[in-house]
Amino acid sequence: MRKILGSVAVLLLTLGVVVGDELNGKITKIDGNKITIQKRAKKGTTGEEVTLTASDNVKVLKSKFNRETKKLEAGEALEGGLKNEAVKEGAAVRVVTDGDKVSEIRVIAGGKKRKKSS
């Protein structure tokens, strides 16, 4: 019984590593399929820079905010993938990784500016 529980624990830990991760940040550099992202950090601090490799079939999507769930969700695909004009240095993104490769980039568009009442 102990061997089975130990095997299940190792399997679950392995699956957690393989499934991937999501990170928020802004693009600081794009060089071919290498993307450098500065992770989002607490106010007043600078986030860590991470260089990731995009997979051959990376999805580049526009993000949209769902008001009901109050969460950012994947929206429509952007034509041209990494070469789309929305994927540029300084763009806010949410990156989804699958193992050590980027499988999805969600470009976060800026919100609409409201006029201040005088």
PDB file of N, CA and C in Angstrom:
ATOM      1  N   MET A   1       0.815  -1.194   0.000  1.00  0.00           N
ATOM      2  CA  MET A   1       0.000   0.000   0.000  1.00  0.00           C
ATOM      3  C   MET A   1       0.862   1.261   0.000  1.00  0.00           C
ATOM      4  N   ARG A   2       1.963   1.227   0.753  1.00  0.00           N
ATOM      5  CA  ARG A   2       2.856   2.392   0.806  1.00  0.00           C
ATOM      6  C   ARG A   2       3.484   2.659  -0.557  1.00  0.00           C
ATOM      7  N   LYS A   3       3.840   1.593  -1.242  1.00  0.00           N
ATOM      8  CA  LYS A   3       4.451   1.758  -2.569  1.00  0.00           C
ATOM      9  C   LYS A   3       3.479   2.410  -3.542  1.00  0.00           C
ATOM     10  N   ILE A   4       2.227   2.008  -3.462  1.00  0.00           N
ATOM     11  CA  ILE A   4       1.222   2.581  -4.351  1.00  0.00           C
ATOM     12  C   ILE A   4       1.020   4.063  -4.037  1.00  0.00           C
ATOM     13  N   LEU A   5       0.899   4.418  -2.770  1.00  0.00           N
ATOM     14  CA  LEU A   5       0.731   5.823  -2.387  1.00  0.00           C
ATOM     15  C   LEU A   5       1.947   6.650  -2.779  1.00  0.00           C
ATOM     16  N   GLY A   6       3.135   6.088  -2.610  1.00  0.00           N
ATOM     17  CA  GLY A   6       4.355   6.784  -3.015  1.00  0.00           C
ATOM     18  C   GLY A   6       4.392   7.002  -4.521  1.00  0.00           C
ATOM     19  N   SER A   7       3.986   5.994  -5.281  1.00  0.00           N
ATOM     20  CA  SER A   7       3.951   6.105  -6.743  1.00  0.00           C
ATOM     21  C   SER A   7       2.950   7.156  -7.199  1.00  0.00           C
ATOM     22  N   VAL A   8       1.788   7.186  -6.561  1.00  0.00           N
ATOM     23  CA  VAL A   8       0.765   8.177  -6.901  1.00  0.00           C
ATOM     24  C   VAL A   8       1.261   9.585  -6.589  1.00  0.00           C
ATOM     25  N   ALA A   9       1.933   9.765  -5.473  1.00  0.00           N
ATOM     26  CA  ALA A   9       2.460  11.078  -5.102  1.00  0.00           C
ATOM     27  C   ALA A   9       3.490  11.559  -6.118  1.00  0.00           C
ATOM     28  N   VAL A  10       4.390  10.677  -6.537  1.00  0.00           N
ATOM     29  CA  VAL A  10       5.403  11.040  -7.538  1.00  0.00           C
ATOM     30  C   VAL A  10       4.737  11.380  -8.864  1.00  0.00           C
ATOM     31  N   LEU A  11       3.736  10.619  -9.254  1.00  0.00           N
ATOM     32  CA  LEU A  11       3.019  10.871 -10.499  1.00  0.00           C
ATOM     33  C   LEU A  11       2.347  12.240 -10.475  1.00  0.00           C
ATOM     34  N   LEU A  12       1.683  12.571  -9.377  1.00  0.00           N
ATOM     35  CA  LEU A  12       1.015  13.865  -9.272  1.00  0.00           C
ATOM     36  C   LEU A  12       2.005  15.021  -9.302  1.00  0.00           C
ATOM     37  N   LEU A  13       3.128  14.881  -8.648  1.00  0.00           N
ATOM     38  CA  LEU A  13       4.156  15.923  -8.680  1.00  0.00           C
ATOM     39  C   LEU A  13       4.708  16.102 -10.085  1.00  0.00           C
ATOM     40  N   THR A  14       4.925  15.013 -10.790  1.00  0.00           N
ATOM     41  CA  THR A  14       5.438  15.077 -12.157  1.00  0.00           C
ATOM     42  C   THR A  14       4.442  15.767 -13.076  1.00  0.00           C
ATOM     43  N   LEU A  15       3.170  15.439 -12.947  1.00  0.00           N
ATOM     44  CA  LEU A  15       2.150  16.074 -13.775  1.00  0.00           C
ATOM     45  C   LEU A  15       2.073  17.573 -13.500  1.00  0.00           C
ATOM     46  N   GLY A  16       2.249  17.978 -12.278  1.00  0.00           N
ATOM     47  CA  GLY A  16       2.227  19.403 -11.939  1.00  0.00           C
ATOM     48  C   GLY A  16       3.330  20.173 -12.626  1.00  0.00           C
ATOM     49  N   VAL A  17       4.483  19.556 -12.800  1.00  0.00           N
ATOM     50  CA  VAL A  17       5.609  20.208 -13.465  1.00  0.00           C
ATOM     51  C   VAL A  17       5.374  20.273 -14.966  1.00  0.00           C
ATOM     52  N   VAL A  18       4.795  19.226 -15.552  1.00  0.00           N
ATOM     53  CA  VAL A  18       4.613  19.146 -16.994  1.00  0.00           C
ATOM     54  C   VAL A  18       3.482  20.036 -17.485  1.00  0.00           C
ATOM     55  N   VAL A  19       2.432  20.220 -16.689  1.00  0.00           N
ATOM     56  CA  VAL A  19       1.253  20.949 -17.115  1.00  0.00           C
ATOM     57  C   VAL A  19       1.589  22.367 -17.561  1.00  0.00           C
ATOM     58  N   GLY A  20       2.432  23.073 -16.874  1.00  0.00           N
ATOM     59  CA  GLY A  20       2.809  24.402 -17.287  1.00  0.00           C
ATOM     60  C   GLY A  20       2.451  25.456 -16.274  1.00  0.00           C
ATOM     61  N   ASP A  21       2.559  26.700 -16.724  1.00  0.00           N
ATOM     62  CA  ASP A  21       2.399  27.816 -15.821  1.00  0.00           C
ATOM     63  C   ASP A  21       1.909  29.014 -16.608  1.00  0.00           C
ATOM     64  N   GLU A  22       1.393  29.992 -15.913  1.00  0.00           N
ATOM     65  CA  GLU A  22       1.007  31.270 -16.510  1.00  0.00           C
ATOM     66  C   GLU A  22       1.758  32.368 -15.787  1.00  0.00           C
ATOM     67  N   LEU A  23       2.216  33.358 -16.545  1.00  0.00           N
ATOM     68  CA  LEU A  23       2.843  34.503 -15.902  1.00  0.00           C
ATOM     69  C   LEU A  23       2.423  35.775 -16.604  1.00  0.00           C
ATOM     70  N   ASN A  24       2.316  36.827 -15.813  1.00  0.00           N
ATOM     71  CA  ASN A  24       1.944  38.145 -16.321  1.00  0.00           C
ATOM     72  C   ASN A  24       3.178  39.026 -16.347  1.00  0.00           C
ATOM     73  N   GLY A  25       3.238  39.892 -17.327  1.00  0.00           N
ATOM     74  CA  GLY A  25       4.356  40.820 -17.406  1.00  0.00           C
ATOM     75  C   GLY A  25       4.280  41.649 -18.657  1.00  0.00           C
ATOM     76  N   LYS A  26       5.442  42.218 -19.022  1.00  0.00           N
ATOM     77  CA  LYS A  26       5.492  42.980 -20.269  1.00  0.00           C
ATOM     78  C   LYS A  26       6.687  42.519 -21.083  1.00  0.00           C
ATOM     79  N   ILE A  27       6.536  42.590 -22.374  1.00  0.00           N
ATOM     80  CA  ILE A  27       7.588  42.152 -23.287  1.00  0.00           C
ATOM     81  C   ILE A  27       8.695  43.197 -23.287  1.00  0.00           C
ATOM     82  N   THR A  28       9.939  42.748 -23.079  1.00  0.00           N
ATOM     83  CA  THR A  28      11.069  43.670 -23.145  1.00  0.00           C
ATOM     84  C   THR A  28      11.913  43.447 -24.392  1.00  0.00           C
ATOM     85  N   LYS A  29      11.829  42.224 -24.982  1.00  0.00           N
ATOM     86  CA  LYS A  29      12.618  41.945 -26.180  1.00  0.00           C
ATOM     87  C   LYS A  29      12.041  40.739 -26.916  1.00  0.00           C
ATOM     88  N   ILE A  30      12.039  40.818 -28.250  1.00  0.00           N
ATOM     89  CA  ILE A  30      11.652  39.688 -29.089  1.00  0.00           C
ATOM     90  C   ILE A  30      12.772  39.474 -30.100  1.00  0.00           C
ATOM     91  N   ASP A  31      13.305  38.257 -30.130  1.00  0.00           N
ATOM     92  CA  ASP A  31      14.376  37.916 -31.060  1.00  0.00           C
ATOM     93  C   ASP A  31      14.041  36.564 -31.673  1.00  0.00           C
ATOM     94  N   GLY A  32      13.403  36.595 -32.847  1.00  0.00           N
ATOM     95  CA  GLY A  32      12.962  35.354 -33.484  1.00  0.00           C
ATOM     96  C   GLY A  32      11.871  34.708 -32.653  1.00  0.00           C
ATOM     97  N   ASN A  33      12.139  33.492 -32.157  1.00  0.00           N
ATOM     98  CA  ASN A  33      11.151  32.823 -31.310  1.00  0.00           C
ATOM     99  C   ASN A  33      11.530  32.906 -29.829  1.00  0.00           C
ATOM    100  N   LYS A  34      12.511  33.738 -29.483  1.00  0.00           N
ATOM    101  CA  LYS A  34      12.902  33.986 -28.083  1.00  0.00           C
ATOM    102  C   LYS A  34      12.207  35.265 -27.615  1.00  0.00           C
ATOM    103  N   ILE A  35      11.503  35.151 -26.502  1.00  0.00           N
ATOM    104  CA  ILE A  35      10.748  36.283 -25.956  1.00  0.00           C
ATOM    105  C   ILE A  35      11.246  36.547 -24.546  1.00  0.00           C
ATOM    106  N   THR A  36      11.669  37.798 -24.285  1.00  0.00           N
ATOM    107  CA  THR A  36      12.087  38.183 -22.936  1.00  0.00           C
ATOM    108  C   THR A  36      10.957  38.976 -22.307  1.00  0.00           C
ATOM    109  N   ILE A  37      10.548  38.535 -21.117  1.00  0.00           N
ATOM    110  CA  ILE A  37       9.425  39.150 -20.418  1.00  0.00           C
ATOM    111  C   ILE A  37       9.862  39.570 -19.031  1.00  0.00           C
ATOM    112  N   GLN A  38       9.478  40.785 -18.654  1.00  0.00           N
ATOM    113  CA  GLN A  38       9.705  41.237 -17.285  1.00  0.00           C
ATOM    114  C   GLN A  38       8.448  40.901 -16.504  1.00  0.00           C
ATOM    115  N   LYS A  39       8.595  39.999 -15.525  1.00  0.00           N
ATOM    116  CA  LYS A  39       7.437  39.559 -14.742  1.00  0.00           C
ATOM    117  C   LYS A  39       6.841  40.726 -13.977  1.00  0.00           C
ATOM    118  N   ARG A  40       5.550  40.664 -13.779  1.00  0.00           N
ATOM    119  CA  ARG A  40       4.854  41.672 -12.998  1.00  0.00           C
ATOM    120  C   ARG A  40       5.267  41.525 -11.538  1.00  0.00           C
ATOM    121  N   ALA A  41       5.529  42.638 -10.890  1.00  0.00           N
ATOM    122  CA  ALA A  41       5.985  42.618  -9.498  1.00  0.00           C
ATOM    123  C   ALA A  41       5.129  43.564  -8.664  1.00  0.00           C
ATOM    124  N   LYS A  42       5.353  43.522  -7.373  1.00  0.00           N
ATOM    125  CA  LYS A  42       4.631  44.425  -6.473  1.00  0.00           C
ATOM    126  C   LYS A  42       4.999  45.862  -6.784  1.00  0.00           C
ATOM    127  N   LYS A  43       4.108  46.755  -6.455  1.00  0.00           N
ATOM    128  CA  LYS A  43       4.304  48.176  -6.713  1.00  0.00           C
ATOM    129  C   LYS A  43       5.600  48.664  -6.050  1.00  0.00           C
ATOM    130  N   GLY A  44       6.398  49.392  -6.821  1.00  0.00           N
ATOM    131  CA  GLY A  44       7.644  49.934  -6.295  1.00  0.00           C
ATOM    132  C   GLY A  44       8.845  49.028  -6.478  1.00  0.00           C
ATOM    133  N   THR A  45       8.645  47.819  -7.016  1.00  0.00           N
ATOM    134  CA  THR A  45       9.760  46.905  -7.259  1.00  0.00           C
ATOM    135  C   THR A  45       9.807  46.522  -8.737  1.00  0.00           C
ATOM    136  N   THR A  46      10.964  46.072  -9.160  1.00  0.00           N
ATOM    137  CA  THR A  46      11.155  45.654 -10.546  1.00  0.00           C
ATOM    138  C   THR A  46      11.034  44.142 -10.622  1.00  0.00           C
ATOM    139  N   GLY A  47      10.277  43.675 -11.595  1.00  0.00           N
ATOM    140  CA  GLY A  47      10.084  42.243 -11.761  1.00  0.00           C
ATOM    141  C   GLY A  47      11.289  41.571 -12.403  1.00  0.00           C
ATOM    142  N   GLU A  48      11.376  40.275 -12.211  1.00  0.00           N
ATOM    143  CA  GLU A  48      12.452  39.469 -12.760  1.00  0.00           C
ATOM    144  C   GLU A  48      12.260  39.321 -14.271  1.00  0.00           C
ATOM    145  N   GLU A  49      13.367  39.379 -15.039  1.00  0.00           N
ATOM    146  CA  GLU A  49      13.299  39.149 -16.479  1.00  0.00           C
ATOM    147  C   GLU A  49      13.517  37.687 -16.773  1.00  0.00           C
ATOM    148  N   VAL A  50      12.671  37.147 -17.656  1.00  0.00           N
ATOM    149  CA  VAL A  50      12.722  35.740 -18.024  1.00  0.00           C
ATOM    150  C   VAL A  50      12.725  35.649 -19.546  1.00  0.00           C
ATOM    151  N   THR A  51      13.628  34.823 -20.107  1.00  0.00           N
ATOM    152  CA  THR A  51      13.648  34.593 -21.544  1.00  0.00           C
ATOM    153  C   THR A  51      13.070  33.213 -21.814  1.00  0.00           C
ATOM    154  N   LEU A  52      12.045  33.186 -22.666  1.00  0.00           N
ATOM    155  CA  LEU A  52      11.343  31.949 -22.989  1.00  0.00           C
ATOM    156  C   LEU A  52      11.386  31.707 -24.489  1.00  0.00           C
ATOM    157  N   THR A  53      11.239  30.451 -24.874  1.00  0.00           N
ATOM    158  CA  THR A  53      11.210  30.076 -26.281  1.00  0.00           C
ATOM    159  C   THR A  53       9.777  29.748 -26.669  1.00  0.00           C
ATOM    160  N   ALA A  54       9.317  30.335 -27.770  1.00  0.00           N
ATOM    161  CA  ALA A  54       7.965  30.069 -28.252  1.00  0.00           C
ATOM    162  C   ALA A  54       7.954  28.760 -29.022  1.00  0.00           C
ATOM    163  N   SER A  55       6.894  27.977 -28.840  1.00  0.00           N
ATOM    164  CA  SER A  55       6.760  26.734 -29.593  1.00  0.00           C
ATOM    165  C   SER A  55       6.460  27.078 -31.051  1.00  0.00           C
ATOM    166  N   ASP A  56       6.617  26.093 -31.925  1.00  0.00           N
ATOM    167  CA  ASP A  56       6.384  26.327 -33.353  1.00  0.00           C
ATOM    168  C   ASP A  56       4.935  26.700 -33.652  1.00  0.00           C
ATOM    169  N   ASN A  57       4.011  26.216 -32.838  1.00  0.00           N
ATOM    170  CA  ASN A  57       2.589  26.502 -33.064  1.00  0.00           C
ATOM    171  C   ASN A  57       2.014  27.371 -31.951  1.00  0.00           C
ATOM    172  N   VAL A  58       2.772  28.386 -31.523  1.00  0.00           N
ATOM    173  CA  VAL A  58       2.328  29.270 -30.451  1.00  0.00           C
ATOM    174  C   VAL A  58       1.068  30.019 -30.892  1.00  0.00           C
ATOM    175  N   LYS A  59       0.093  30.123 -29.972  1.00  0.00           N
ATOM    176  CA  LYS A  59      -1.127  30.873 -30.240  1.00  0.00           C
ATOM    177  C   LYS A  59      -0.943  32.280 -29.694  1.00  0.00           C
ATOM    178  N   VAL A  60      -1.229  33.278 -30.512  1.00  0.00           N
ATOM    179  CA  VAL A  60      -1.174  34.669 -30.070  1.00  0.00           C
ATOM    180  C   VAL A  60      -2.604  35.190 -30.102  1.00  0.00           C
ATOM    181  N   LEU A  61      -3.108  35.568 -28.933  1.00  0.00           N
ATOM    182  CA  LEU A  61      -4.504  35.947 -28.786  1.00  0.00           C
ATOM    183  C   LEU A  61      -4.647  37.325 -28.153  1.00  0.00           C
ATOM    184  N   LYS A  62      -5.773  37.938 -28.417  1.00  0.00           N
ATOM    185  CA  LYS A  62      -6.129  39.187 -27.759  1.00  0.00           C
ATOM    186  C   LYS A  62      -6.908  38.809 -26.503  1.00  0.00           C
ATOM    187  N   SER A  63      -6.594  39.398 -25.379  1.00  0.00           N
ATOM    188  CA  SER A  63      -7.304  39.096 -24.134  1.00  0.00           C
ATOM    189  C   SER A  63      -8.539  39.964 -24.005  1.00  0.00           C
ATOM    190  N   LYS A  64      -9.524  39.438 -23.283  1.00  0.00           N
ATOM    191  CA  LYS A  64     -10.706  40.236 -22.986  1.00  0.00           C
ATOM    192  C   LYS A  64     -11.091  40.000 -21.537  1.00  0.00           C
ATOM    193  N   PHE A  65     -11.633  41.028 -20.919  1.00  0.00           N
ATOM    194  CA  PHE A  65     -12.031  40.947 -19.519  1.00  0.00           C
ATOM    195  C   PHE A  65     -13.490  40.532 -19.445  1.00  0.00           C
ATOM    196  N   ASN A  66     -13.769  39.459 -18.716  1.00  0.00           N
ATOM    197  CA  ASN A  66     -15.128  38.986 -18.523  1.00  0.00           C
ATOM    198  C   ASN A  66     -15.674  39.655 -17.263  1.00  0.00           C
ATOM    199  N   ARG A  67     -16.664  40.507 -17.427  1.00  0.00           N
ATOM    200  CA  ARG A  67     -17.210  41.268 -16.295  1.00  0.00           C
ATOM    201  C   ARG A  67     -17.950  40.380 -15.301  1.00  0.00           C
ATOM    202  N   GLU A  68     -18.522  39.288 -15.772  1.00  0.00           N
ATOM    203  CA  GLU A  68     -19.272  38.405 -14.880  1.00  0.00           C
ATOM    204  C   GLU A  68     -18.335  37.634 -13.953  1.00  0.00           C
ATOM    205  N   THR A  69     -17.277  37.051 -14.513  1.00  0.00           N
ATOM    206  CA  THR A  69     -16.344  36.264 -13.694  1.00  0.00           C
ATOM    207  C   THR A  69     -15.220  37.124 -13.129  1.00  0.00           C
ATOM    208  N   LYS A  70     -15.106  38.349 -13.645  1.00  0.00           N
ATOM    209  CA  LYS A  70     -14.045  39.280 -13.244  1.00  0.00           C
ATOM    210  C   LYS A  70     -12.657  38.683 -13.476  1.00  0.00           C
ATOM    211  N   LYS A  71     -12.516  38.012 -14.635  1.00  0.00           N
ATOM    212  CA  LYS A  71     -11.237  37.398 -14.996  1.00  0.00           C
ATOM    213  C   LYS A  71     -10.880  37.739 -16.429  1.00  0.00           C
ATOM    214  N   LEU A  72      -9.581  37.708 -16.697  1.00  0.00           N
ATOM    215  CA  LEU A  72      -9.066  37.927 -18.033  1.00  0.00           C
ATOM    216  C   LEU A  72      -9.120  36.603 -18.783  1.00  0.00           C
ATOM    217  N   GLU A  73      -9.728  36.601 -19.966  1.00  0.00           N
ATOM    218  CA  GLU A  73      -9.882  35.380 -20.737  1.00  0.00           C
ATOM    219  C   GLU A  73      -9.275  35.549 -22.120  1.00  0.00           C
ATOM    220  N   ALA A  74      -8.963  34.424 -22.750  1.00  0.00           N
ATOM    221  CA  ALA A  74      -8.438  34.436 -24.115  1.00  0.00           C
ATOM    222  C   ALA A  74      -9.541  34.869 -25.066  1.00  0.00           C
ATOM    223  N   GLY A  75      -9.191  35.726 -25.996  1.00  0.00           N
ATOM    224  CA  GLY A  75     -10.149  36.210 -26.983  1.00  0.00           C
ATOM    225  C   GLY A  75      -9.804  35.696 -28.361  1.00  0.00           C
ATOM    226  N   GLU A  76      -9.987  36.548 -29.356  1.00  0.00           N
ATOM    227  CA  GLU A  76      -9.760  36.152 -30.737  1.00  0.00           C
ATOM    228  C   GLU A  76      -8.271  36.064 -31.065  1.00  0.00           C
ATOM    229  N   ALA A  77      -7.938  35.226 -32.036  1.00  0.00           N
ATOM    230  CA  ALA A  77      -6.551  35.052 -32.461  1.00  0.00           C
ATOM    231  C   ALA A  77      -6.093  36.278 -33.242  1.00  0.00           C
ATOM    232  N   LEU A  78      -4.825  36.651 -33.069  1.00  0.00           N
ATOM    233  CA  LEU A  78      -4.249  37.768 -33.805  1.00  0.00           C
ATOM    234  C   LEU A  78      -3.497  37.220 -35.015  1.00  0.00           C
ATOM    235  N   GLU A  79      -3.781  37.769 -36.176  1.00  0.00           N
ATOM    236  CA  GLU A  79      -3.140  37.307 -37.405  1.00  0.00           C
ATOM    237  C   GLU A  79      -1.649  37.622 -37.382  1.00  0.00           C
ATOM    238  N   GLY A  80      -0.871  36.723 -37.937  1.00  0.00           N
ATOM    239  CA  GLY A  80       0.566  36.947 -38.029  1.00  0.00           C
ATOM    240  C   GLY A  80       1.347  36.418 -36.843  1.00  0.00           C
ATOM    241  N   GLY A  81       0.663  35.986 -35.798  1.00  0.00           N
ATOM    242  CA  GLY A  81       1.337  35.421 -34.634  1.00  0.00           C
ATOM    243  C   GLY A  81       2.298  36.393 -33.986  1.00  0.00           C
ATOM    244  N   LEU A  82       3.544  35.977 -33.807  1.00  0.00           N
ATOM    245  CA  LEU A  82       4.546  36.820 -33.148  1.00  0.00           C
ATOM    246  C   LEU A  82       4.892  38.069 -33.949  1.00  0.00           C
ATOM    247  N   LYS A  83       4.560  38.080 -35.232  1.00  0.00           N
ATOM    248  CA  LYS A  83       4.866  39.235 -36.073  1.00  0.00           C
ATOM    249  C   LYS A  83       3.749  40.281 -36.065  1.00  0.00           C
ATOM    250  N   ASN A  84       2.657  40.031 -35.352  1.00  0.00           N
ATOM    251  CA  ASN A  84       1.554  40.976 -35.265  1.00  0.00           C
ATOM    252  C   ASN A  84       2.035  42.239 -34.559  1.00  0.00           C
ATOM    253  N   GLU A  85       1.525  43.397 -34.981  1.00  0.00           N
ATOM    254  CA  GLU A  85       1.979  44.676 -34.416  1.00  0.00           C
ATOM    255  C   GLU A  85       1.634  44.838 -32.941  1.00  0.00           C
ATOM    256  N   ALA A  86       0.670  44.079 -32.427  1.00  0.00           N
ATOM    257  CA  ALA A  86       0.317  44.160 -31.002  1.00  0.00           C
ATOM    258  C   ALA A  86       1.370  43.483 -30.124  1.00  0.00           C
ATOM    259  N   VAL A  87       2.140  42.568 -30.706  1.00  0.00           N
ATOM    260  CA  VAL A  87       3.190  41.859 -29.957  1.00  0.00           C
ATOM    261  C   VAL A  87       4.480  42.644 -30.167  1.00  0.00           C
ATOM    262  N   LYS A  88       4.731  43.571 -29.252  1.00  0.00           N
ATOM    263  CA  LYS A  88       5.895  44.451 -29.379  1.00  0.00           C
ATOM    264  C   LYS A  88       6.474  44.711 -28.002  1.00  0.00           C
ATOM    265  N   GLU A  89       7.632  45.327 -27.976  1.00  0.00           N
ATOM    266  CA  GLU A  89       8.261  45.673 -26.695  1.00  0.00           C
ATOM    267  C   GLU A  89       7.354  46.626 -25.927  1.00  0.00           C
ATOM    268  N   GLY A  90       7.174  46.346 -24.652  1.00  0.00           N
ATOM    269  CA  GLY A  90       6.328  47.169 -23.809  1.00  0.00           C
ATOM    270  C   GLY A  90       4.891  46.689 -23.715  1.00  0.00           C
ATOM    271  N   ALA A  91       4.505  45.712 -24.544  1.00  0.00           N
ATOM    272  CA  ALA A  91       3.136  45.207 -24.518  1.00  0.00           C
ATOM    273  C   ALA A  91       2.906  44.363 -23.261  1.00  0.00           C
ATOM    274  N   ALA A  92       1.775  44.576 -22.613  1.00  0.00           N
ATOM    275  CA  ALA A  92       1.399  43.774 -21.445  1.00  0.00           C
ATOM    276  C   ALA A  92       0.848  42.445 -21.950  1.00  0.00           C
ATOM    277  N   VAL A  93       1.333  41.350 -21.366  1.00  0.00           N
ATOM    278  CA  VAL A  93       0.942  40.018 -21.832  1.00  0.00           C
ATOM    279  C   VAL A  93       0.735  39.056 -20.669  1.00  0.00           C
ATOM    280  N   ARG A  94      -0.006  38.007 -20.934  1.00  0.00           N
ATOM    281  CA  ARG A  94      -0.088  36.836 -20.061  1.00  0.00           C
ATOM    282  C   ARG A  94       0.427  35.692 -20.915  1.00  0.00           C
ATOM    283  N   VAL A  95       1.465  35.017 -20.444  1.00  0.00           N
ATOM    284  CA  VAL A  95       2.104  33.951 -21.187  1.00  0.00           C
ATOM    285  C   VAL A  95       1.765  32.616 -20.535  1.00  0.00           C
ATOM    286  N   VAL A  96       1.335  31.667 -21.358  1.00  0.00           N
ATOM    287  CA  VAL A  96       1.041  30.316 -20.892  1.00  0.00           C
ATOM    288  C   VAL A  96       2.133  29.403 -21.428  1.00  0.00           C
ATOM    289  N   THR A  97       2.796  28.681 -20.512  1.00  0.00           N
ATOM    290  CA  THR A  97       3.859  27.773 -20.927  1.00  0.00           C
ATOM    291  C   THR A  97       3.394  26.335 -20.818  1.00  0.00           C
ATOM    292  N   ASP A  98       3.968  25.510 -21.662  1.00  0.00           N
ATOM    293  CA  ASP A  98       3.725  24.072 -21.637  1.00  0.00           C
ATOM    294  C   ASP A  98       5.098  23.428 -21.528  1.00  0.00           C
ATOM    295  N   GLY A  99       5.479  23.066 -20.311  1.00  0.00           N
ATOM    296  CA  GLY A  99       6.840  22.587 -20.088  1.00  0.00           C
ATOM    297  C   GLY A  99       7.785  23.774 -20.131  1.00  0.00           C
ATOM    298  N   ASP A 100       8.756  23.735 -21.042  1.00  0.00           N
ATOM    299  CA  ASP A 100       9.706  24.840 -21.150  1.00  0.00           C
ATOM    300  C   ASP A 100       9.454  25.716 -22.376  1.00  0.00           C
ATOM    301  N   LYS A 101       8.340  25.515 -23.075  1.00  0.00           N
ATOM    302  CA  LYS A 101       8.003  26.289 -24.272  1.00  0.00           C
ATOM    303  C   LYS A 101       6.744  27.124 -24.041  1.00  0.00           C
ATOM    304  N   VAL A 102       6.683  28.270 -24.712  1.00  0.00           N
ATOM    305  CA  VAL A 102       5.499  29.131 -24.655  1.00  0.00           C
ATOM    306  C   VAL A 102       4.463  28.570 -25.626  1.00  0.00           C
ATOM    307  N   SER A 103       3.273  28.248 -25.121  1.00  0.00           N
ATOM    308  CA  SER A 103       2.228  27.708 -25.976  1.00  0.00           C
ATOM    309  C   SER A 103       1.189  28.761 -26.350  1.00  0.00           C
ATOM    310  N   GLU A 104       1.077  29.812 -25.529  1.00  0.00           N
ATOM    311  CA  GLU A 104       0.063  30.833 -25.771  1.00  0.00           C
ATOM    312  C   GLU A 104       0.508  32.175 -25.226  1.00  0.00           C
ATOM    313  N   ILE A 105       0.288  33.227 -26.012  1.00  0.00           N
ATOM    314  CA  ILE A 105       0.558  34.596 -25.575  1.00  0.00           C
ATOM    315  C   ILE A 105      -0.750  35.362 -25.694  1.00  0.00           C
ATOM    316  N   ARG A 106      -1.211  35.903 -24.569  1.00  0.00           N
ATOM    317  CA  ARG A 106      -2.434  36.699 -24.560  1.00  0.00           C
ATOM    318  C   ARG A 106      -2.049  38.159 -24.377  1.00  0.00           C
ATOM    319  N   VAL A 107      -2.274  38.960 -25.416  1.00  0.00           N
ATOM    320  CA  VAL A 107      -1.944  40.377 -25.369  1.00  0.00           C
ATOM    321  C   VAL A 107      -3.057  41.101 -24.628  1.00  0.00           C
ATOM    322  N   ILE A 108      -2.678  41.858 -23.606  1.00  0.00           N
ATOM    323  CA  ILE A 108      -3.643  42.586 -22.791  1.00  0.00           C
ATOM    324  C   ILE A 108      -3.719  44.011 -23.316  1.00  0.00           C
ATOM    325  N   ALA A 109      -4.869  44.354 -23.876  1.00  0.00           N
ATOM    326  CA  ALA A 109      -5.058  45.696 -24.425  1.00  0.00           C
ATOM    327  C   ALA A 109      -5.316  46.662 -23.285  1.00  0.00           C
ATOM    328  N   GLY A 110      -4.876  47.905 -23.480  1.00  0.00           N
ATOM    329  CA  GLY A 110      -5.120  48.936 -22.469  1.00  0.00           C
ATOM    330  C   GLY A 110      -6.592  49.248 -22.373  1.00  0.00           C
ATOM    331  N   GLY A 111      -7.022  49.606 -21.191  1.00  0.00           N
ATOM    332  CA  GLY A 111      -8.435  49.947 -20.969  1.00  0.00           C
ATOM    333  C   GLY A 111      -8.780  51.289 -21.588  1.00  0.00           C
ATOM    334  N   LYS A 112     -10.052  51.529 -21.727  1.00  0.00           N
ATOM    335  CA  LYS A 112     -10.496  52.810 -22.294  1.00  0.00           C
ATOM    336  C   LYS A 112     -10.278  53.899 -21.254  1.00  0.00           C
ATOM    337  N   LYS A 113      -9.755  55.010 -21.711  1.00  0.00           N
ATOM    338  CA  LYS A 113      -9.512  56.149 -20.822  1.00  0.00           C
ATOM    339  C   LYS A 113     -10.826  56.883 -20.604  1.00  0.00           C
ATOM    340  N   ARG A 114     -11.110  57.200 -19.374  1.00  0.00           N
ATOM    341  CA  ARG A 114     -12.311  57.953 -19.049  1.00  0.00           C
ATOM    342  C   ARG A 114     -11.938  59.410 -18.888  1.00  0.00           C
ATOM    343  N   LYS A 115     -12.817  60.276 -19.344  1.00  0.00           N
ATOM    344  CA  LYS A 115     -12.576  61.700 -19.192  1.00  0.00           C
ATOM    345  C   LYS A 115     -12.858  62.080 -17.750  1.00  0.00           C
ATOM    346  N   LYS A 116     -11.948  62.869 -17.194  1.00  0.00           N
ATOM    347  CA  LYS A 116     -12.155  63.354 -15.840  1.00  0.00           C
ATOM    348  C   LYS A 116     -13.113  64.530 -15.882  1.00  0.00           C
ATOM    349  N   SER A 117     -14.058  64.537 -14.963  1.00  0.00           N
ATOM    350  CA  SER A 117     -14.998  65.646 -14.920  1.00  0.00           C
ATOM    351  C   SER A 117     -14.361  66.790 -14.125  1.00  0.00           C
ATOM    352  N   SER A 118     -14.473  67.985 -14.687  1.00  0.00           N
ATOM    353  CA  SER A 118     -13.846  69.137 -14.051  1.00  0.00           C
ATOM    354  C   SER A 118     -14.711  69.772 -13.032  1.00  0.00           C
TER     355      SER A 118
END
